[in-house]
Amino acid sequence: PGKKLEGLHVVIQGLGTVGWRVASMLKRKKVKLTVTDINKDLVAKAVLKFGATPVKRPSRIYDVECDIFSPCALGGIIDEDTIERFKCKIICGCANNQLEDKLAGYAMLVKKILLAPDYLVNSGGVINSAAELSGDYDEFDVAIAIDGIFERLMEIYEISRAESIPTNIVANRLAEERLAKGK
């Protein structure tokens, strides 16, 4: 909310089910897309369907200058090498366990790259699935819970800025506090 996506440049690493949906939603918001995947056919389809710019060698995706880098494939991709290569302001994607280790979060902080913690970004799917499995699915309640993801991200970013600690450390701390309270 508040920030328009139109005109931003987003790099998507991985065009599986989630990465493809991310590309589709971002294209509707008139975002410039650059994509890669180990499946060359998916890359070619994204070029045709979304007007995306392809990166044919997946290992070169980290060198593309962009506003947002969206890892939607493998975990562990944010490491000493890729942090040096990133030319983005934000990393926000659906790949699990994106950081090679906790220390990578500190390197991101030093480089002033804002990281959206992966498990918070992915939590919308978990919220929806849990509601479906409960047998008492209420679309309105699910929408409210999913809307809360943005507020939690903003809280994490504010604490990270105020205390100069990486977003992954803040997110872990807040999650542990919530679990301790039984929420």
Protein backbone atom coordinates (compact mmCIF):
# COMPACT_ATOMS: atom_id res chain seq x y z
CA PRO A 1 0.00 0.00 0.00
CA GLY A 2 1.10 3.48 -0.83
CA LYS A 3 3.92 2.50 -3.20
CA LYS A 4 3.04 1.89 -6.82
CA LEU A 5 4.72 -0.99 -8.60
CA GLU A 6 4.24 0.42 -12.10
CA GLY A 7 7.56 1.14 -13.75
CA LEU A 8 9.66 -0.82 -11.27
CA HIS A 9 12.07 -3.47 -12.53
CA VAL A 10 11.73 -6.88 -10.89
CA VAL A 11 14.04 -9.83 -11.50
CA ILE A 12 12.44 -13.24 -10.95
CA GLN A 13 14.64 -16.26 -10.36
CA GLY A 14 12.57 -19.38 -10.98
CA LEU A 15 9.40 -19.71 -13.05
CA GLY A 16 7.77 -22.69 -11.36
CA THR A 17 4.18 -22.44 -10.15
CA VAL A 18 4.83 -19.62 -7.68
CA GLY A 19 7.37 -17.70 -9.77
CA TRP A 20 5.03 -17.82 -12.77
CA ARG A 21 2.15 -16.42 -10.69
CA VAL A 22 4.43 -13.68 -9.34
CA ALA A 23 5.38 -12.77 -12.92
CA SER A 24 1.73 -12.77 -14.00
CA MET A 25 0.61 -10.53 -11.13
CA LEU A 26 3.52 -8.13 -11.60
CA LYS A 27 2.91 -7.85 -15.35
CA ARG A 28 -0.66 -6.71 -14.62
CA LYS A 29 0.89 -3.96 -12.47
CA LYS A 30 3.03 -2.85 -15.45
CA VAL A 31 6.31 -3.92 -13.92
CA LYS A 32 9.36 -4.49 -16.13
CA LEU A 33 10.35 -8.14 -15.74
CA THR A 34 13.64 -9.96 -16.16
CA VAL A 35 13.45 -13.72 -15.65
CA THR A 36 15.51 -16.87 -15.53
CA ASP A 37 14.91 -20.55 -14.90
CA ILE A 38 16.80 -23.76 -15.58
CA ASN A 39 13.84 -24.68 -17.82
CA LYS A 40 14.53 -22.72 -21.03
CA ASP A 41 10.99 -23.37 -22.32
CA LEU A 42 9.51 -21.54 -19.33
CA VAL A 43 11.83 -18.60 -19.94
CA ALA A 44 10.78 -18.47 -23.61
CA LYS A 45 7.09 -18.59 -22.60
CA ALA A 46 7.61 -15.75 -20.11
CA VAL A 47 9.25 -13.66 -22.82
CA LEU A 48 6.20 -14.18 -25.07
CA LYS A 49 3.47 -13.91 -22.42
CA PHE A 50 4.89 -11.13 -20.22
CA GLY A 51 7.36 -9.36 -22.49
CA ALA A 52 10.05 -10.33 -19.99
CA THR A 53 13.74 -9.93 -20.64
CA PRO A 54 15.45 -13.33 -20.43
CA VAL A 55 18.69 -14.14 -18.65
CA LYS A 56 19.78 -17.29 -20.42
CA ARG A 57 22.44 -18.34 -17.93
CA PRO A 58 20.73 -18.59 -14.52
CA SER A 59 23.99 -17.91 -12.67
CA ARG A 60 24.08 -14.41 -14.18
CA ILE A 61 20.73 -13.32 -12.72
CA TYR A 62 22.46 -11.86 -9.64
CA ASP A 63 24.27 -9.31 -11.82
CA VAL A 64 21.13 -7.67 -13.24
CA GLU A 65 20.43 -4.16 -11.98
CA CYS A 66 16.85 -3.93 -10.72
CA ASP A 67 14.60 -2.51 -8.02
CA ILE A 68 13.50 -5.87 -6.58
CA PHE A 69 15.11 -9.29 -6.80
CA SER A 70 12.56 -12.09 -6.32
CA PRO A 71 14.03 -15.54 -5.63
CA CYS A 72 11.32 -18.10 -6.37
CA ALA A 73 13.45 -21.20 -6.90
CA LEU A 74 16.20 -22.61 -4.70
CA GLY A 75 17.05 -21.74 -1.12
CA GLY A 76 20.48 -20.75 0.13
CA ILE A 77 21.12 -18.33 -2.73
CA ILE A 78 21.92 -15.30 -0.59
CA ASP A 79 25.57 -15.80 0.27
CA GLU A 80 28.83 -13.88 0.30
CA ASP A 81 29.17 -14.09 -3.50
CA THR A 82 25.63 -13.12 -4.46
CA ILE A 83 25.41 -10.31 -1.90
CA GLU A 84 28.39 -8.67 -3.60
CA ARG A 85 26.73 -9.10 -6.99
CA PHE A 86 23.20 -7.92 -6.13
CA LYS A 87 22.27 -4.58 -7.68
CA CYS A 88 18.85 -4.17 -6.07
CA LYS A 89 17.20 -2.31 -3.20
CA ILE A 90 14.88 -5.10 -2.07
CA ILE A 91 14.87 -8.89 -2.04
CA CYS A 92 11.38 -10.35 -1.76
CA GLY A 93 10.61 -13.83 -3.00
CA CYS A 94 9.01 -17.13 -2.21
CA ALA A 95 12.00 -19.47 -2.20
CA ASN A 96 12.48 -21.11 1.18
CA ASN A 97 15.57 -20.52 3.32
CA GLN A 98 17.05 -17.89 1.02
CA LEU A 99 19.91 -16.95 3.33
CA GLU A 100 22.91 -19.26 3.35
CA ASP A 101 23.29 -18.45 7.06
CA LYS A 102 22.27 -15.84 9.65
CA LEU A 103 25.38 -13.77 8.95
CA ALA A 104 24.20 -13.13 5.40
CA GLY A 105 21.49 -10.93 6.90
CA TYR A 106 24.16 -8.69 8.41
CA ALA A 107 25.90 -8.38 5.04
CA MET A 108 22.56 -7.35 3.50
CA LEU A 109 22.14 -4.72 6.20
CA VAL A 110 25.60 -3.29 5.49
CA LYS A 111 24.87 -3.21 1.75
CA LYS A 112 21.49 -1.55 2.47
CA ILE A 113 19.43 -4.21 0.73
CA LEU A 114 16.05 -4.71 2.39
CA LEU A 115 15.21 -8.39 2.80
CA ALA A 116 11.61 -9.54 3.20
CA PRO A 117 11.91 -12.68 5.36
CA ASP A 118 10.91 -15.67 3.25
CA TYR A 119 8.67 -17.37 5.76
CA LEU A 120 6.64 -14.20 6.20
CA VAL A 121 6.35 -13.69 2.43
CA ASN A 122 5.18 -17.33 2.15
CA SER A 123 2.78 -17.17 5.07
CA GLY A 124 -0.25 -16.27 2.95
CA GLY A 125 -0.31 -19.77 1.49
CA VAL A 126 0.07 -21.31 4.92
CA ILE A 127 -2.74 -19.15 6.33
CA ASN A 128 -5.06 -20.15 3.48
CA SER A 129 -4.19 -23.86 3.70
CA ALA A 130 -4.67 -23.93 7.48
CA ALA A 131 -8.10 -22.34 7.09
CA GLU A 132 -9.06 -24.87 4.41
CA LEU A 133 -7.94 -27.79 6.57
CA SER A 134 -9.80 -26.48 9.62
CA GLY A 135 -13.12 -27.32 8.01
CA ASP A 136 -14.41 -23.85 8.90
CA TYR A 137 -13.09 -21.83 5.94
CA ASP A 138 -14.11 -18.19 5.98
CA GLU A 139 -12.78 -16.19 3.02
CA PHE A 140 -13.19 -12.88 4.88
CA ASP A 141 -11.19 -14.07 7.91
CA VAL A 142 -8.47 -15.45 5.63
CA ALA A 143 -8.27 -12.13 3.74
CA ILE A 144 -7.90 -10.21 7.01
CA ALA A 145 -5.15 -12.55 8.20
CA ILE A 146 -3.31 -12.28 4.88
CA ASP A 147 -3.63 -8.47 4.94
CA GLY A 148 -1.80 -8.58 8.27
CA ILE A 149 1.36 -9.81 6.50
CA PHE A 150 2.05 -6.29 5.22
CA GLU A 151 1.73 -4.82 8.72
CA ARG A 152 4.13 -7.43 10.12
CA LEU A 153 6.64 -6.70 7.36
CA MET A 154 6.45 -2.98 8.13
CA GLU A 155 6.97 -3.69 11.84
CA ILE A 156 10.04 -5.80 11.01
CA TYR A 157 11.47 -3.08 8.75
CA GLU A 158 10.93 -0.37 11.37
CA ILE A 159 12.62 -2.39 14.13
CA SER A 160 15.47 -3.33 11.78
CA ARG A 161 16.08 0.33 10.95
CA ALA A 162 15.77 1.55 14.53
CA GLU A 163 18.02 -1.13 16.04
CA SER A 164 20.35 -1.68 13.05
CA ILE A 165 19.75 -5.41 13.01
CA PRO A 166 18.95 -7.56 9.96
CA THR A 167 15.33 -8.23 9.09
CA ASN A 168 15.83 -11.99 9.40
CA ILE A 169 16.99 -11.59 13.01
CA VAL A 170 14.06 -9.27 13.82
CA ALA A 171 11.58 -11.66 12.18
CA ASN A 172 12.93 -14.61 14.15
CA ARG A 173 12.78 -12.65 17.39
CA LEU A 174 9.17 -11.55 16.80
CA ALA A 175 8.14 -15.08 15.80
CA GLU A 176 9.69 -16.50 18.97
CA GLU A 177 7.89 -13.87 21.06
CA ARG A 178 4.55 -14.73 19.41
CA LEU A 179 5.11 -18.44 19.99
CA ALA A 180 6.00 -17.81 23.63
CA LYS A 181 2.70 -15.95 24.05
CA GLY A 182 0.84 -18.81 22.38
CA LYS A 183 -0.41 -16.75 19.41
